PDB file of N, CA and C in Angstrom:
ATOM      1  N   MET A   1      26.496 -77.035 -74.422  1.00  0.00           N
ATOM      2  CA  MET A   1      27.078 -77.020 -73.188  1.00  0.00           C
ATOM      3  C   MET A   1      28.166 -75.917 -73.332  1.00  0.00           C
ATOM      4  N   SER A   2      28.476 -75.280 -72.381  1.00  0.00           N
ATOM      5  CA  SER A   2      29.516 -74.252 -72.300  1.00  0.00           C
ATOM      6  C   SER A   2      30.565 -74.772 -71.640  1.00  0.00           C
ATOM      7  N   SER A   3      31.838 -74.295 -72.094  1.00  0.00           N
ATOM      8  CA  SER A   3      33.142 -74.656 -71.606  1.00  0.00           C
ATOM      9  C   SER A   3      33.511 -74.012 -70.458  1.00  0.00           C
ATOM     10  N   SER A   4      32.856 -72.763 -70.100  1.00  0.00           N
ATOM     11  CA  SER A   4      33.406 -71.828 -69.159  1.00  0.00           C
ATOM     12  C   SER A   4      32.970 -72.391 -67.706  1.00  0.00           C
ATOM     13  N   PRO A   5      33.814 -72.201 -66.731  1.00  0.00           N
ATOM     14  CA  PRO A   5      33.486 -72.719 -65.336  1.00  0.00           C
ATOM     15  C   PRO A   5      32.393 -72.122 -64.904  1.00  0.00           C
ATOM     16  N   SER A   6      31.783 -72.913 -63.949  1.00  0.00           N
ATOM     17  CA  SER A   6      30.424 -72.471 -63.387  1.00  0.00           C
ATOM     18  C   SER A   6      30.891 -71.463 -62.105  1.00  0.00           C
ATOM     19  N   LEU A   7      29.963 -70.724 -61.766  1.00  0.00           N
ATOM     20  CA  LEU A   7      30.152 -69.883 -60.767  1.00  0.00           C
ATOM     21  C   LEU A   7      30.484 -70.291 -59.459  1.00  0.00           C
ATOM     22  N   ALA A   8      30.039 -71.554 -58.992  1.00  0.00           N
ATOM     23  CA  ALA A   8      30.481 -72.309 -57.795  1.00  0.00           C
ATOM     24  C   ALA A   8      31.943 -72.671 -57.933  1.00  0.00           C
ATOM     25  N   SER A   9      32.448 -73.048 -59.082  1.00  0.00           N
ATOM     26  CA  SER A   9      33.879 -73.564 -59.223  1.00  0.00           C
ATOM     27  C   SER A   9      34.799 -72.355 -59.126  1.00  0.00           C
ATOM     28  N   ARG A  10      34.236 -71.258 -59.691  1.00  0.00           N
ATOM     29  CA  ARG A  10      35.044 -70.019 -59.667  1.00  0.00           C
ATOM     30  C   ARG A  10      35.179 -69.320 -58.317  1.00  0.00           C
ATOM     31  N   LEU A  11      34.163 -69.566 -57.412  1.00  0.00           N
ATOM     32  CA  LEU A  11      34.261 -68.902 -56.157  1.00  0.00           C
ATOM     33  C   LEU A  11      34.605 -70.006 -55.096  1.00  0.00           C
ATOM     34  N   LYS A  12      35.110 -71.182 -55.468  1.00  0.00           N
ATOM     35  CA  LYS A  12      35.552 -72.155 -54.528  1.00  0.00           C
ATOM     36  C   LYS A  12      36.844 -71.600 -53.897  1.00  0.00           C
ATOM     37  N   GLY A  13      37.083 -71.746 -52.667  1.00  0.00           N
ATOM     38  CA  GLY A  13      38.180 -71.243 -51.772  1.00  0.00           C
ATOM     39  C   GLY A  13      38.273 -69.741 -51.619  1.00  0.00           C
ATOM     40  N   ARG A  14      37.085 -69.082 -51.906  1.00  0.00           N
ATOM     41  CA  ARG A  14      37.203 -67.666 -51.871  1.00  0.00           C
ATOM     42  C   ARG A  14      36.141 -67.174 -50.920  1.00  0.00           C
ATOM     43  N   SER A  15      36.185 -67.749 -49.633  1.00  0.00           N
ATOM     44  CA  SER A  15      35.199 -67.465 -48.593  1.00  0.00           C
ATOM     45  C   SER A  15      35.408 -66.048 -48.100  1.00  0.00           C
ATOM     46  N   GLU A  16      36.538 -65.404 -48.286  1.00  0.00           N
ATOM     47  CA  GLU A  16      36.828 -64.035 -47.844  1.00  0.00           C
ATOM     48  C   GLU A  16      35.926 -62.968 -48.543  1.00  0.00           C
ATOM     49  N   LEU A  17      35.315 -63.487 -49.760  1.00  0.00           N
ATOM     50  CA  LEU A  17      34.193 -62.574 -50.208  1.00  0.00           C
ATOM     51  C   LEU A  17      32.928 -62.364 -49.297  1.00  0.00           C
ATOM     52  N   GLY A  18      32.743 -63.465 -48.437  1.00  0.00           N
ATOM     53  CA  GLY A  18      31.761 -63.344 -47.464  1.00  0.00           C
ATOM     54  C   GLY A  18      32.083 -62.191 -46.457  1.00  0.00           C
ATOM     55  N   VAL A  19      33.410 -62.253 -46.053  1.00  0.00           N
ATOM     56  CA  VAL A  19      33.987 -61.071 -45.127  1.00  0.00           C
ATOM     57  C   VAL A  19      33.664 -59.690 -45.686  1.00  0.00           C
ATOM     58  N   ALA A  20      34.101 -59.644 -47.113  1.00  0.00           N
ATOM     59  CA  ALA A  20      33.987 -58.364 -47.820  1.00  0.00           C
ATOM     60  C   ALA A  20      32.516 -57.874 -47.733  1.00  0.00           C
ATOM     61  N   LEU A  21      31.681 -58.877 -48.041  1.00  0.00           N
ATOM     62  CA  LEU A  21      30.198 -58.535 -48.199  1.00  0.00           C
ATOM     63  C   LEU A  21      29.693 -58.138 -46.797  1.00  0.00           C
ATOM     64  N   LEU A  22      30.140 -58.771 -45.752  1.00  0.00           N
ATOM     65  CA  LEU A  22      29.736 -58.267 -44.371  1.00  0.00           C
ATOM     66  C   LEU A  22      30.289 -56.891 -44.127  1.00  0.00           C
ATOM     67  N   LEU A  23      31.565 -56.801 -44.398  1.00  0.00           N
ATOM     68  CA  LEU A  23      32.130 -55.280 -44.362  1.00  0.00           C
ATOM     69  C   LEU A  23      31.325 -54.207 -44.973  1.00  0.00           C
ATOM     70  N   GLY A  24      30.972 -54.546 -46.290  1.00  0.00           N
ATOM     71  CA  GLY A  24      30.081 -53.801 -46.987  1.00  0.00           C
ATOM     72  C   GLY A  24      28.745 -53.402 -46.459  1.00  0.00           C
ATOM     73  N   ALA A  25      28.112 -54.505 -46.000  1.00  0.00           N
ATOM     74  CA  ALA A  25      26.767 -54.363 -45.269  1.00  0.00           C
ATOM     75  C   ALA A  25      26.794 -53.518 -44.122  1.00  0.00           C
ATOM     76  N   VAL A  26      27.839 -53.582 -43.218  1.00  0.00           N
ATOM     77  CA  VAL A  26      27.991 -52.850 -42.162  1.00  0.00           C
ATOM     78  C   VAL A  26      28.246 -51.489 -42.549  1.00  0.00           C
ATOM     79  N   GLY A  27      29.084 -51.216 -43.478  1.00  0.00           N
ATOM     80  CA  GLY A  27      29.349 -49.894 -43.946  1.00  0.00           C
ATOM     81  C   GLY A  27      28.068 -49.198 -44.355  1.00  0.00           C
ATOM     82  N   VAL A  28      27.270 -49.899 -45.211  1.00  0.00           N
ATOM     83  CA  VAL A  28      25.967 -49.184 -45.637  1.00  0.00           C
ATOM     84  C   VAL A  28      25.088 -48.884 -44.460  1.00  0.00           C
ATOM     85  N   VAL A  29      24.967 -49.843 -43.362  1.00  0.00           N
ATOM     86  CA  VAL A  29      24.150 -49.698 -42.294  1.00  0.00           C
ATOM     87  C   VAL A  29      24.783 -48.394 -41.408  1.00  0.00           C
ATOM     88  N   VAL A  30      25.967 -48.346 -41.479  1.00  0.00           N
ATOM     89  CA  VAL A  30      26.540 -47.181 -40.709  1.00  0.00           C
ATOM     90  C   VAL A  30      26.215 -45.909 -41.367  1.00  0.00           C
ATOM     91  N   LEU A  31      26.374 -45.986 -42.654  1.00  0.00           N
ATOM     92  CA  LEU A  31      26.039 -44.674 -43.638  1.00  0.00           C
ATOM     93  C   LEU A  31      24.606 -44.308 -43.512  1.00  0.00           C
ATOM     94  N   VAL A  32      23.705 -45.214 -43.680  1.00  0.00           N
ATOM     95  CA  VAL A  32      22.360 -44.948 -43.537  1.00  0.00           C
ATOM     96  C   VAL A  32      21.927 -44.378 -42.185  1.00  0.00           C
ATOM     97  N   ASP A  33      22.594 -44.956 -41.058  1.00  0.00           N
ATOM     98  CA  ASP A  33      22.415 -44.352 -39.591  1.00  0.00           C
ATOM     99  C   ASP A  33      22.963 -43.013 -39.597  1.00  0.00           C
ATOM    100  N   ALA A  34      24.195 -42.705 -40.194  1.00  0.00           N
ATOM    101  CA  ALA A  34      24.808 -41.425 -40.150  1.00  0.00           C
ATOM    102  C   ALA A  34      23.988 -40.379 -40.835  1.00  0.00           C
ATOM    103  N   ILE A  35      23.321 -40.783 -42.099  1.00  0.00           N
ATOM    104  CA  ILE A  35      22.540 -39.946 -42.702  1.00  0.00           C
ATOM    105  C   ILE A  35      21.349 -39.449 -41.921  1.00  0.00           C
ATOM    106  N   GLY A  36      20.778 -40.357 -41.011  1.00  0.00           N
ATOM    107  CA  GLY A  36      19.623 -40.100 -40.189  1.00  0.00           C
ATOM    108  C   GLY A  36      19.824 -39.354 -39.033  1.00  0.00           C
ATOM    109  N   LEU A  37      21.164 -39.148 -38.673  1.00  0.00           N
ATOM    110  CA  LEU A  37      21.457 -38.296 -37.469  1.00  0.00           C
ATOM    111  C   LEU A  37      20.918 -36.935 -37.508  1.00  0.00           C
ATOM    112  N   VAL A  38      20.342 -36.592 -36.354  1.00  0.00           N
ATOM    113  CA  VAL A  38      19.781 -35.128 -36.287  1.00  0.00           C
ATOM    114  C   VAL A  38      20.642 -34.271 -35.334  1.00  0.00           C
ATOM    115  N   THR A  39      21.185 -33.221 -35.569  1.00  0.00           N
ATOM    116  CA  THR A  39      22.032 -32.428 -34.959  1.00  0.00           C
ATOM    117  C   THR A  39      21.459 -31.017 -34.795  1.00  0.00           C
ATOM    118  N   PRO A  40      20.430 -30.762 -33.875  1.00  0.00           N
ATOM    119  CA  PRO A  40      19.689 -29.423 -33.856  1.00  0.00           C
ATOM    120  C   PRO A  40      20.502 -28.360 -33.174  1.00  0.00           C
ATOM    121  N   TYR A  41      21.658 -28.602 -32.465  1.00  0.00           N
ATOM    122  CA  TYR A  41      22.161 -27.582 -31.779  1.00  0.00           C
ATOM    123  C   TYR A  41      23.398 -26.918 -32.485  1.00  0.00           C
ATOM    124  N   SER A  42      24.056 -27.483 -33.593  1.00  0.00           N
ATOM    125  CA  SER A  42      25.097 -26.961 -34.248  1.00  0.00           C
ATOM    126  C   SER A  42      25.035 -27.337 -35.751  1.00  0.00           C
ATOM    127  N   LYS A  43      24.426 -26.419 -36.516  1.00  0.00           N
ATOM    128  CA  LYS A  43      24.196 -26.570 -37.943  1.00  0.00           C
ATOM    129  C   LYS A  43      25.431 -26.135 -38.661  1.00  0.00           C
ATOM    130  N   THR A  44      26.227 -25.238 -38.043  1.00  0.00           N
ATOM    131  CA  THR A  44      27.438 -24.682 -38.802  1.00  0.00           C
ATOM    132  C   THR A  44      28.697 -25.192 -38.485  1.00  0.00           C
ATOM    133  N   ASP A  45      28.630 -26.144 -37.498  1.00  0.00           N
ATOM    134  CA  ASP A  45      30.066 -26.718 -37.190  1.00  0.00           C
ATOM    135  C   ASP A  45      30.500 -27.615 -38.197  1.00  0.00           C
ATOM    136  N   PRO A  46      31.656 -27.679 -38.755  1.00  0.00           N
ATOM    137  CA  PRO A  46      32.014 -28.492 -39.905  1.00  0.00           C
ATOM    138  C   PRO A  46      32.280 -29.841 -39.357  1.00  0.00           C
ATOM    139  N   VAL A  47      32.890 -29.940 -38.140  1.00  0.00           N
ATOM    140  CA  VAL A  47      33.200 -31.214 -37.491  1.00  0.00           C
ATOM    141  C   VAL A  47      32.290 -31.443 -36.393  1.00  0.00           C
ATOM    142  N   GLY A  48      31.085 -31.869 -36.709  1.00  0.00           N
ATOM    143  CA  GLY A  48      30.035 -32.125 -35.699  1.00  0.00           C
ATOM    144  C   GLY A  48      29.858 -33.659 -35.480  1.00  0.00           C
ATOM    145  N   PRO A  49      28.865 -33.988 -34.774  1.00  0.00           N
ATOM    146  CA  PRO A  49      28.860 -35.467 -34.392  1.00  0.00           C
ATOM    147  C   PRO A  49      28.415 -36.476 -35.645  1.00  0.00           C
ATOM    148  N   LYS A  50      28.217 -35.735 -36.806  1.00  0.00           N
ATOM    149  CA  LYS A  50      27.919 -36.608 -37.945  1.00  0.00           C
ATOM    150  C   LYS A  50      29.241 -37.051 -38.719  1.00  0.00           C
ATOM    151  N   THR A  51      30.312 -36.506 -38.393  1.00  0.00           N
ATOM    152  CA  THR A  51      31.695 -36.561 -39.257  1.00  0.00           C
ATOM    153  C   THR A  51      32.159 -37.907 -38.938  1.00  0.00           C
ATOM    154  N   ILE A  52      32.317 -38.367 -37.768  1.00  0.00           N
ATOM    155  CA  ILE A  52      33.001 -39.634 -37.370  1.00  0.00           C
ATOM    156  C   ILE A  52      32.250 -40.831 -38.128  1.00  0.00           C
ATOM    157  N   PRO A  53      30.823 -40.771 -37.917  1.00  0.00           N
ATOM    158  CA  PRO A  53      30.083 -42.010 -38.611  1.00  0.00           C
ATOM    159  C   PRO A  53      30.203 -42.137 -40.191  1.00  0.00           C
ATOM    160  N   PHE A  54      30.375 -41.018 -40.624  1.00  0.00           N
ATOM    161  CA  PHE A  54      30.563 -40.859 -42.193  1.00  0.00           C
ATOM    162  C   PHE A  54      32.100 -41.360 -42.415  1.00  0.00           C
ATOM    163  N   VAL A  55      32.864 -40.967 -41.624  1.00  0.00           N
ATOM    164  CA  VAL A  55      34.321 -41.415 -41.980  1.00  0.00           C
ATOM    165  C   VAL A  55      34.535 -42.982 -41.752  1.00  0.00           C
ATOM    166  N   VAL A  56      33.803 -43.595 -40.649  1.00  0.00           N
ATOM    167  CA  VAL A  56      33.905 -44.943 -40.278  1.00  0.00           C
ATOM    168  C   VAL A  56      33.039 -45.828 -41.417  1.00  0.00           C
ATOM    169  N   ALA A  57      31.900 -45.222 -41.897  1.00  0.00           N
ATOM    170  CA  ALA A  57      31.239 -45.865 -42.942  1.00  0.00           C
ATOM    171  C   ALA A  57      32.053 -45.800 -44.238  1.00  0.00           C
ATOM    172  N   GLY A  58      32.724 -44.742 -44.496  1.00  0.00           N
ATOM    173  CA  GLY A  58      33.612 -44.691 -45.807  1.00  0.00           C
ATOM    174  C   GLY A  58      34.627 -45.697 -45.765  1.00  0.00           C
ATOM    175  N   LEU A  59      35.322 -45.758 -44.534  1.00  0.00           N
ATOM    176  CA  LEU A  59      36.582 -46.737 -44.451  1.00  0.00           C
ATOM    177  C   LEU A  59      36.076 -48.143 -44.481  1.00  0.00           C
ATOM    178  N   LEU A  60      34.915 -48.398 -44.018  1.00  0.00           N
ATOM    179  CA  LEU A  60      34.231 -49.788 -44.103  1.00  0.00           C
ATOM    180  C   LEU A  60      34.047 -50.225 -45.452  1.00  0.00           C
ATOM    181  N   LEU A  61      33.544 -49.206 -46.263  1.00  0.00           N
ATOM    182  CA  LEU A  61      33.127 -49.569 -47.696  1.00  0.00           C
ATOM    183  C   LEU A  61      34.321 -49.617 -48.459  1.00  0.00           C
ATOM    184  N   VAL A  62      35.355 -48.775 -48.285  1.00  0.00           N
ATOM    185  CA  VAL A  62      36.530 -48.852 -49.008  1.00  0.00           C
ATOM    186  C   VAL A  62      37.284 -50.167 -48.638  1.00  0.00           C
ATOM    187  N   CYS A  63      37.442 -50.565 -47.459  1.00  0.00           N
ATOM    188  CA  CYS A  63      38.056 -51.861 -47.002  1.00  0.00           C
ATOM    189  C   CYS A  63      37.300 -53.148 -47.650  1.00  0.00           C
ATOM    190  N   ALA A  64      35.941 -53.028 -47.714  1.00  0.00           N
ATOM    191  CA  ALA A  64      35.180 -54.094 -48.407  1.00  0.00           C
ATOM    192  C   ALA A  64      35.437 -54.250 -49.827  1.00  0.00           C
ATOM    193  N   VAL A  65      35.633 -53.125 -50.561  1.00  0.00           N
ATOM    194  CA  VAL A  65      35.975 -53.138 -51.998  1.00  0.00           C
ATOM    195  C   VAL A  65      37.365 -53.645 -52.266  1.00  0.00           C
ATOM    196  N   LEU A  66      38.243 -53.006 -51.350  1.00  0.00           N
ATOM    197  CA  LEU A  66      39.716 -53.510 -51.563  1.00  0.00           C
ATOM    198  C   LEU A  66      39.835 -55.036 -51.338  1.00  0.00           C
ATOM    199  N   LEU A  67      39.183 -55.430 -50.246  1.00  0.00           N
ATOM    200  CA  LEU A  67      39.264 -56.928 -49.848  1.00  0.00           C
ATOM    201  C   LEU A  67      38.592 -57.732 -50.992  1.00  0.00           C
ATOM    202  N   ALA A  68      37.489 -57.488 -51.578  1.00  0.00           N
ATOM    203  CA  ALA A  68      36.814 -58.120 -52.700  1.00  0.00           C
ATOM    204  C   ALA A  68      37.851 -58.123 -53.841  1.00  0.00           C
ATOM    205  N   ILE A  69      38.408 -56.907 -54.304  1.00  0.00           N
ATOM    206  CA  ILE A  69      39.356 -56.951 -55.302  1.00  0.00           C
ATOM    207  C   ILE A  69      40.494 -57.909 -55.211  1.00  0.00           C
ATOM    208  N   ASN A  70      41.043 -57.890 -53.981  1.00  0.00           N
ATOM    209  CA  ASN A  70      42.163 -58.709 -53.574  1.00  0.00           C
ATOM    210  C   ASN A  70      41.825 -60.239 -53.711  1.00  0.00           C
ATOM    211  N   VAL A  71      40.703 -60.540 -53.239  1.00  0.00           N
ATOM    212  CA  VAL A  71      40.199 -62.062 -53.316  1.00  0.00           C
ATOM    213  C   VAL A  71      39.973 -62.461 -54.674  1.00  0.00           C
ATOM    214  N   ILE A  72      39.212 -61.535 -55.606  1.00  0.00           N
ATOM    215  CA  ILE A  72      38.995 -61.925 -56.751  1.00  0.00           C
ATOM    216  C   ILE A  72      40.264 -62.003 -57.780  1.00  0.00           C
ATOM    217  N   ARG A  73      41.249 -61.291 -57.271  1.00  0.00           N
ATOM    218  CA  ARG A  73      42.438 -61.442 -58.127  1.00  0.00           C
ATOM    219  C   ARG A  73      43.491 -62.569 -57.712  1.00  0.00           C
ATOM    220  N   GLY A  74      43.042 -63.286 -56.647  1.00  0.00           N
ATOM    221  CA  GLY A  74      43.565 -64.509 -56.269  1.00  0.00           C
ATOM    222  C   GLY A  74      44.523 -64.266 -54.918  1.00  0.00           C
ATOM    223  N   GLY A  75      44.516 -63.065 -54.326  1.00  0.00           N
ATOM    224  CA  GLY A  75      45.134 -62.855 -53.227  1.00  0.00           C
ATOM    225  C   GLY A  75      44.751 -63.829 -51.860  1.00  0.00           C
ATOM    226  N   GLN A  76      45.793 -64.463 -51.319  1.00  0.00           N
ATOM    227  CA  GLN A  76      45.386 -65.355 -50.165  1.00  0.00           C
ATOM    228  C   GLN A  76      46.479 -65.238 -49.206  1.00  0.00           C
ATOM    229  N   GLY A  77      46.045 -65.191 -47.851  1.00  0.00           N
ATOM    230  CA  GLY A  77      47.108 -65.185 -46.900  1.00  0.00           C
ATOM    231  C   GLY A  77      47.707 -66.501 -46.611  1.00  0.00           C
ATOM    232  N   GLU A  78      48.783 -66.448 -46.011  1.00  0.00           N
ATOM    233  CA  GLU A  78      49.600 -67.595 -45.789  1.00  0.00           C
ATOM    234  C   GLU A  78      48.963 -68.285 -44.425  1.00  0.00           C
ATOM    235  N   ALA A  79      48.704 -69.520 -44.413  1.00  0.00           N
ATOM    236  CA  ALA A  79      48.061 -70.206 -43.375  1.00  0.00           C
ATOM    237  C   ALA A  79      49.075 -70.540 -42.221  1.00  0.00           C
ATOM    238  N   GLU A  80      50.142 -70.795 -42.556  1.00  0.00           N
ATOM    239  CA  GLU A  80      51.243 -71.055 -41.696  1.00  0.00           C
ATOM    240  C   GLU A  80      52.015 -69.871 -41.173  1.00  0.00           C
ATOM    241  N   GLY A  81      52.211 -68.828 -42.127  1.00  0.00           N
ATOM    242  CA  GLY A  81      53.105 -67.739 -41.828  1.00  0.00           C
ATOM    243  C   GLY A  81      52.287 -66.728 -40.891  1.00  0.00           C
ATOM    244  N   GLY A  82      51.163 -66.642 -40.781  1.00  0.00           N
ATOM    245  CA  GLY A  82      50.429 -65.669 -40.027  1.00  0.00           C
ATOM    246  C   GLY A  82      50.201 -66.176 -38.596  1.00  0.00           C
ATOM    247  N   GLU A  83      50.535 -67.469 -38.117  1.00  0.00           N
ATOM    248  CA  GLU A  83      50.343 -67.917 -36.809  1.00  0.00           C
ATOM    249  C   GLU A  83      51.632 -68.487 -36.254  1.00  0.00           C
ATOM    250  N   ASP A  84      52.044 -68.049 -35.086  1.00  0.00           N
ATOM    251  CA  ASP A  84      53.268 -68.402 -34.480  1.00  0.00           C
ATOM    252  C   ASP A  84      52.909 -69.180 -33.035  1.00  0.00           C
ATOM    253  N   VAL A  85      52.391 -70.333 -33.294  1.00  0.00           N
ATOM    254  CA  VAL A  85      52.030 -71.056 -32.179  1.00  0.00           C
ATOM    255  C   VAL A  85      52.721 -72.372 -32.092  1.00  0.00           C
ATOM    256  N   ASP A  86      53.364 -72.769 -31.033  1.00  0.00           N
ATOM    257  CA  ASP A  86      54.074 -74.098 -30.889  1.00  0.00           C
ATOM    258  C   ASP A  86      53.182 -74.978 -30.288  1.00  0.00           C
ATOM    259  N   LEU A  87      52.547 -75.883 -30.873  1.00  0.00           N
ATOM    260  CA  LEU A  87      51.387 -76.807 -30.297  1.00  0.00           C
ATOM    261  C   LEU A  87      51.994 -77.866 -29.387  1.00  0.00           C
ATOM    262  N   THR A  88      53.246 -78.005 -29.440  1.00  0.00           N
ATOM    263  CA  THR A  88      53.974 -79.033 -28.600  1.00  0.00           C
ATOM    264  C   THR A  88      54.036 -78.600 -27.101  1.00  0.00           C
ATOM    265  N   HIS A  89      53.904 -77.293 -26.897  1.00  0.00           N
ATOM    266  CA  HIS A  89      53.901 -76.918 -25.608  1.00  0.00           C
ATOM    267  C   HIS A  89      52.524 -76.707 -24.816  1.00  0.00           C
ATOM    268  N   PRO A  90      52.290 -77.119 -23.706  1.00  0.00           N
ATOM    269  CA  PRO A  90      50.802 -76.930 -23.064  1.00  0.00           C
ATOM    270  C   PRO A  90      50.565 -75.438 -22.987  1.00  0.00           C
ATOM    271  N   ALA A  91      49.258 -75.347 -22.570  1.00  0.00           N
ATOM    272  CA  ALA A  91      48.709 -73.899 -22.243  1.00  0.00           C
ATOM    273  C   ALA A  91      49.307 -73.466 -20.951  1.00  0.00           C
ATOM    274  N   ASP A  92      49.535 -72.177 -20.935  1.00  0.00           N
ATOM    275  CA  ASP A  92      50.064 -71.646 -19.714  1.00  0.00           C
ATOM    276  C   ASP A  92      48.894 -71.196 -18.747  1.00  0.00           C
ATOM    277  N   TRP A  93      48.483 -72.177 -17.945  1.00  0.00           N
ATOM    278  CA  TRP A  93      47.309 -71.987 -17.025  1.00  0.00           C
ATOM    279  C   TRP A  93      47.463 -71.015 -16.100  1.00  0.00           C
ATOM    280  N   LYS A  94      48.776 -70.637 -15.535  1.00  0.00           N
ATOM    281  CA  LYS A  94      48.987 -69.616 -14.675  1.00  0.00           C
ATOM    282  C   LYS A  94      48.563 -68.213 -15.248  1.00  0.00           C
ATOM    283  N   THR A  95      48.573 -68.119 -16.566  1.00  0.00           N
ATOM    284  CA  THR A  95      48.258 -66.804 -17.040  1.00  0.00           C
ATOM    285  C   THR A  95      46.780 -66.853 -17.563  1.00  0.00           C
ATOM    286  N   VAL A  96      46.301 -68.033 -18.061  1.00  0.00           N
ATOM    287  CA  VAL A  96      44.940 -68.125 -18.648  1.00  0.00           C
ATOM    288  C   VAL A  96      43.808 -68.004 -17.724  1.00  0.00           C
ATOM    289  N   LEU A  97      44.010 -68.585 -16.496  1.00  0.00           N
ATOM    290  CA  LEU A  97      42.953 -68.566 -15.452  1.00  0.00           C
ATOM    291  C   LEU A  97      42.719 -67.268 -14.913  1.00  0.00           C
ATOM    292  N   PRO A  98      43.845 -66.490 -14.467  1.00  0.00           N
ATOM    293  CA  PRO A  98      43.536 -65.070 -13.885  1.00  0.00           C
ATOM    294  C   PRO A  98      42.900 -64.293 -14.941  1.00  0.00           C
ATOM    295  N   LEU A  99      43.290 -64.324 -16.309  1.00  0.00           N
ATOM    296  CA  LEU A  99      42.721 -63.572 -17.395  1.00  0.00           C
ATOM    297  C   LEU A  99      41.214 -63.989 -17.535  1.00  0.00           C
ATOM    298  N   ALA A 100      40.895 -65.232 -17.503  1.00  0.00           N
ATOM    299  CA  ALA A 100      39.574 -65.518 -17.569  1.00  0.00           C
ATOM    300  C   ALA A 100      38.782 -65.155 -16.256  1.00  0.00           C
ATOM    301  N   GLY A 101      39.226 -65.120 -15.196  1.00  0.00           N
ATOM    302  CA  GLY A 101      38.640 -64.591 -13.981  1.00  0.00           C
ATOM    303  C   GLY A 101      38.372 -63.061 -14.064  1.00  0.00           C
ATOM    304  N   VAL A 102      39.271 -62.311 -14.495  1.00  0.00           N
ATOM    305  CA  VAL A 102      39.099 -60.822 -14.690  1.00  0.00           C
ATOM    306  C   VAL A 102      37.977 -60.638 -15.751  1.00  0.00           C
ATOM    307  N   PHE A 103      37.958 -61.333 -16.637  1.00  0.00           N
ATOM    308  CA  PHE A 103      36.928 -61.212 -17.783  1.00  0.00           C
ATOM    309  C   PHE A 103      35.440 -61.539 -17.157  1.00  0.00           C
ATOM    310  N   ILE A 104      35.454 -62.588 -16.408  1.00  0.00           N
ATOM    311  CA  ILE A 104      34.083 -62.996 -15.841  1.00  0.00           C
ATOM    312  C   ILE A 104      33.673 -62.057 -14.793  1.00  0.00           C
ATOM    313  N   ALA A 105      34.763 -61.530 -13.915  1.00  0.00           N
ATOM    314  CA  ALA A 105      34.403 -60.481 -12.925  1.00  0.00           C
ATOM    315  C   ALA A 105      33.924 -59.189 -13.573  1.00  0.00           C
ATOM    316  N   ASN A 106      34.456 -58.737 -14.888  1.00  0.00           N
ATOM    317  CA  ASN A 106      34.128 -57.503 -15.615  1.00  0.00           C
ATOM    318  C   ASN A 106      32.653 -57.947 -16.086  1.00  0.00           C
ATOM    319  N   ILE A 107      32.368 -59.002 -16.496  1.00  0.00           N
ATOM    320  CA  ILE A 107      31.024 -59.214 -17.039  1.00  0.00           C
ATOM    321  C   ILE A 107      30.034 -59.172 -15.815  1.00  0.00           C
ATOM    322  N   LEU A 108      30.375 -59.738 -14.710  1.00  0.00           N
ATOM    323  CA  LEU A 108      29.349 -59.797 -13.598  1.00  0.00           C
ATOM    324  C   LEU A 108      29.270 -58.515 -12.944  1.00  0.00           C
ATOM    325  N   LEU A 109      30.385 -57.600 -12.998  1.00  0.00           N
ATOM    326  CA  LEU A 109      30.033 -56.336 -12.311  1.00  0.00           C
ATOM    327  C   LEU A 109      29.442 -55.274 -13.221  1.00  0.00           C
TER     328      LEU A 109
END
C-alpha cells in the first residue's frame, strides 16, 4: 500500500480546474476555427480578419493555464469577501420587474 494521497483526495475542493479545462477547450476550438478561416481578398494585410480570433484563442489558453496553476498551488477566492449582499433586505421589485420586462421584450422582438 502506498502512503501517498489518491488523486481524488488531492483534487478535492479544486472544482476550479473544471473551469480551467473549459477555458482551455474553448481556446482550442477558437484556435482550430481561426486556422480554418479563409481570407481570399487580402493575403498581404497583416491585421486581417484572422488576427482577432488568434488573439482571443491565445488569451483563453493563457487564462486557462494561469487559472490551473493558481488552483494547483492552492489559490482560492474568498467566499464572503467577493459578495456584498445584505440578505436581511428584501428584493427591490421596483427595479427588478422593469428590467425583467425589458429583457423579455428584447427576446420577443
